[in-house]
Amino acid sequence: MNDSMEEAILYAKKYLEDLLSFFGLNTDVYATSDDEVIQLNVPSTHMNGFLIGQHGENMRSLQYLTSTALKNNDYSHTRVNVDIAEYKKQRADRLRDKAETWMKQVQGSGEPLDLQPMNAADRRIVHQLAADYGLSSDSVGDGRDRHIVLKPSE
């Protein structure tokens, strides 16, 4: 087992850079780690649209390939988050802005609020924000219908 987080980061960075070079994009990937997850940020280029793909599908594929390569090479750190041109970061910022409105609505009305279904990463952001606002939040439902219910704290 290759155990150092630093080694895993360097491997993941080089792997993703090599992958991008196959598409004719020679760029530096900015690599760090956060909470046991290797963060790989690809700067903004003329290839953003292609690399992100529809609803981030290509970006998720790059993330999956990088994570799989780490596993196949016996790294103990294999959780990877790939972001391209801060697509995920900007999306998360927009979600936080929307979520603040929901938090204030629940605080003001004292009534629970069912939010629309969202993916796990988005739910994580809303749960963290709810905690900051002193509200309780539960994920309910299955699969694509999984969503958060915000409630005033007991």
Protein backbone atom coordinates (compact mmCIF):
# COMPACT_ATOMS: atom_id res chain seq x y z
CA MET A 1 0.00 0.00 0.00
CA ASN A 2 1.23 3.45 -0.91
CA ASP A 3 0.22 5.27 2.23
CA SER A 4 1.23 8.87 2.04
CA MET A 5 -1.44 11.39 1.07
CA GLU A 6 1.31 13.46 -0.63
CA GLU A 7 2.23 10.53 -2.93
CA ALA A 8 -1.44 9.92 -3.76
CA ILE A 9 -1.93 13.63 -4.58
CA LEU A 10 1.10 13.69 -6.89
CA TYR A 11 0.00 10.49 -8.62
CA ALA A 12 -3.58 11.78 -9.10
CA LYS A 13 -2.31 15.17 -10.37
CA LYS A 14 0.01 13.53 -12.93
CA TYR A 15 -2.65 11.00 -13.96
CA LEU A 16 -5.25 13.71 -14.63
CA GLU A 17 -2.70 15.92 -16.44
CA ASP A 18 -1.75 12.95 -18.66
CA LEU A 19 -5.43 12.23 -19.33
CA LEU A 20 -6.04 15.87 -20.31
CA SER A 21 -3.00 15.82 -22.60
CA PHE A 22 -4.65 13.00 -24.58
CA PHE A 23 -7.36 15.55 -25.43
CA GLY A 24 -4.67 18.03 -26.47
CA LEU A 25 -4.87 20.10 -23.30
CA ASN A 26 -1.52 20.70 -21.64
CA THR A 27 -2.26 22.41 -18.37
CA ASP A 28 -1.24 22.34 -14.73
CA VAL A 29 -3.76 20.74 -12.40
CA TYR A 30 -3.91 22.36 -8.97
CA ALA A 31 -3.90 19.54 -6.41
CA THR A 32 -4.55 19.63 -2.65
CA SER A 33 -6.31 17.47 -0.11
CA ASP A 34 -9.19 18.23 2.17
CA ASP A 35 -10.60 15.85 4.73
CA GLU A 36 -9.11 12.66 3.17
CA VAL A 37 -10.32 13.73 -0.30
CA ILE A 38 -7.86 14.62 -3.06
CA GLN A 39 -9.01 17.91 -4.63
CA LEU A 40 -8.00 18.36 -8.27
CA ASN A 41 -8.78 21.71 -9.88
CA VAL A 42 -8.36 22.18 -13.62
CA PRO A 43 -8.03 25.86 -14.55
CA SER A 44 -10.40 27.50 -17.02
CA THR A 45 -9.49 26.85 -20.68
CA HIS A 46 -11.13 26.79 -24.13
CA MET A 47 -12.06 23.15 -23.34
CA ASN A 48 -14.26 23.82 -20.28
CA GLY A 49 -17.50 22.82 -22.01
CA PHE A 50 -16.11 19.51 -23.26
CA LEU A 51 -14.34 18.62 -19.99
CA ILE A 52 -17.36 19.45 -17.84
CA GLY A 53 -19.85 17.80 -20.20
CA GLN A 54 -23.62 17.86 -19.89
CA HIS A 55 -24.58 18.35 -16.21
CA GLY A 56 -20.96 17.62 -15.27
CA GLU A 57 -20.98 14.07 -16.67
CA ASN A 58 -17.53 14.22 -18.30
CA MET A 59 -16.09 15.80 -15.16
CA ARG A 60 -17.52 12.93 -13.09
CA SER A 61 -15.98 10.44 -15.53
CA LEU A 62 -12.53 12.06 -15.14
CA GLN A 63 -13.02 11.87 -11.37
CA TYR A 64 -13.98 8.17 -11.59
CA LEU A 65 -11.01 7.30 -13.85
CA THR A 66 -8.57 9.08 -11.52
CA SER A 67 -10.00 7.38 -8.43
CA THR A 68 -9.89 3.96 -10.16
CA ALA A 69 -6.27 4.51 -11.20
CA LEU A 70 -5.36 5.23 -7.55
CA LYS A 71 -7.15 2.03 -6.42
CA ASN A 72 -5.47 -0.04 -9.13
CA ASN A 73 -2.08 1.23 -7.98
CA ASP A 74 -2.72 0.36 -4.33
CA TYR A 75 -3.00 3.87 -2.93
CA SER A 76 -4.85 3.98 0.37
CA HIS A 77 -6.22 7.46 -0.49
CA THR A 78 -8.58 7.03 -3.44
CA ARG A 79 -11.35 9.60 -2.88
CA VAL A 80 -11.04 12.26 -5.54
CA ASN A 81 -12.94 15.44 -6.32
CA VAL A 82 -12.29 16.91 -9.77
CA ASP A 83 -13.47 20.45 -10.47
CA ILE A 84 -13.07 22.21 -13.79
CA ALA A 85 -12.94 26.01 -14.03
CA GLU A 86 -14.55 26.13 -10.53
CA TYR A 87 -17.79 24.70 -11.97
CA LYS A 88 -18.62 22.82 -8.75
CA LYS A 89 -17.52 25.69 -6.53
CA GLN A 90 -19.70 28.23 -8.38
CA ARG A 91 -22.62 25.79 -8.33
CA ALA A 92 -22.16 25.29 -4.59
CA ASP A 93 -22.05 29.07 -4.05
CA ARG A 94 -25.32 29.49 -6.00
CA LEU A 95 -26.90 26.67 -3.98
CA ARG A 96 -25.80 28.33 -0.71
CA ASP A 97 -27.43 31.59 -1.81
CA LYS A 98 -30.72 29.78 -2.57
CA ALA A 99 -30.51 27.72 0.63
CA GLU A 100 -30.18 30.86 2.78
CA THR A 101 -33.62 31.92 1.55
CA TRP A 102 -35.03 28.50 2.53
CA MET A 103 -33.42 28.71 5.99
CA LYS A 104 -34.91 32.16 6.62
CA GLN A 105 -38.32 30.94 5.42
CA VAL A 106 -38.29 28.06 7.96
CA GLN A 107 -37.04 30.35 10.73
CA GLY A 108 -39.77 32.88 9.93
CA SER A 109 -42.69 30.47 9.53
CA GLY A 110 -41.69 27.85 12.10
CA GLU A 111 -42.99 25.27 9.57
CA PRO A 112 -41.03 22.38 8.01
CA LEU A 113 -40.06 22.82 4.35
CA ASP A 114 -39.59 20.04 1.78
CA LEU A 115 -36.86 20.91 -0.72
CA GLN A 116 -36.63 19.59 -4.26
CA PRO A 117 -34.63 16.37 -4.81
CA MET A 118 -30.88 16.93 -5.09
CA ASN A 119 -27.70 14.89 -5.30
CA ALA A 120 -25.62 13.84 -2.31
CA ALA A 121 -23.02 16.60 -2.70
CA ASP A 122 -25.74 19.28 -2.80
CA ARG A 123 -27.55 17.74 0.18
CA ARG A 124 -24.29 17.81 2.16
CA ILE A 125 -23.99 21.57 1.53
CA VAL A 126 -27.58 22.21 2.65
CA HIS A 127 -27.20 20.03 5.79
CA GLN A 128 -24.06 22.01 6.78
CA LEU A 129 -25.83 25.32 6.21
CA ALA A 130 -28.91 24.17 8.18
CA ALA A 131 -26.64 23.34 11.13
CA ASP A 132 -25.08 26.83 10.88
CA TYR A 133 -28.60 28.30 11.04
CA GLY A 134 -29.53 26.12 14.03
CA LEU A 135 -32.17 24.21 12.03
CA SER A 136 -32.59 20.46 11.83
CA SER A 137 -32.45 18.76 8.44
CA ASP A 138 -33.21 15.21 7.35
CA SER A 139 -32.70 13.47 4.01
CA VAL A 140 -35.80 11.49 3.07
CA GLY A 141 -36.86 9.44 0.06
CA ASP A 142 -34.94 7.09 -2.19
CA GLY A 143 -32.82 7.42 -5.30
CA ARG A 144 -33.70 10.37 -7.51
CA ASP A 145 -36.48 11.43 -5.12
CA ARG A 146 -34.13 11.83 -2.14
CA HIS A 147 -34.54 15.32 -0.73
CA ILE A 148 -34.10 17.35 2.43
CA VAL A 149 -36.79 18.38 4.88
CA LEU A 150 -35.78 21.49 6.86
CA LYS A 151 -37.33 21.91 10.29
CA PRO A 152 -37.09 24.46 13.05
CA SER A 153 -35.01 23.09 15.93
CA GLU A 154 -36.96 21.46 18.72
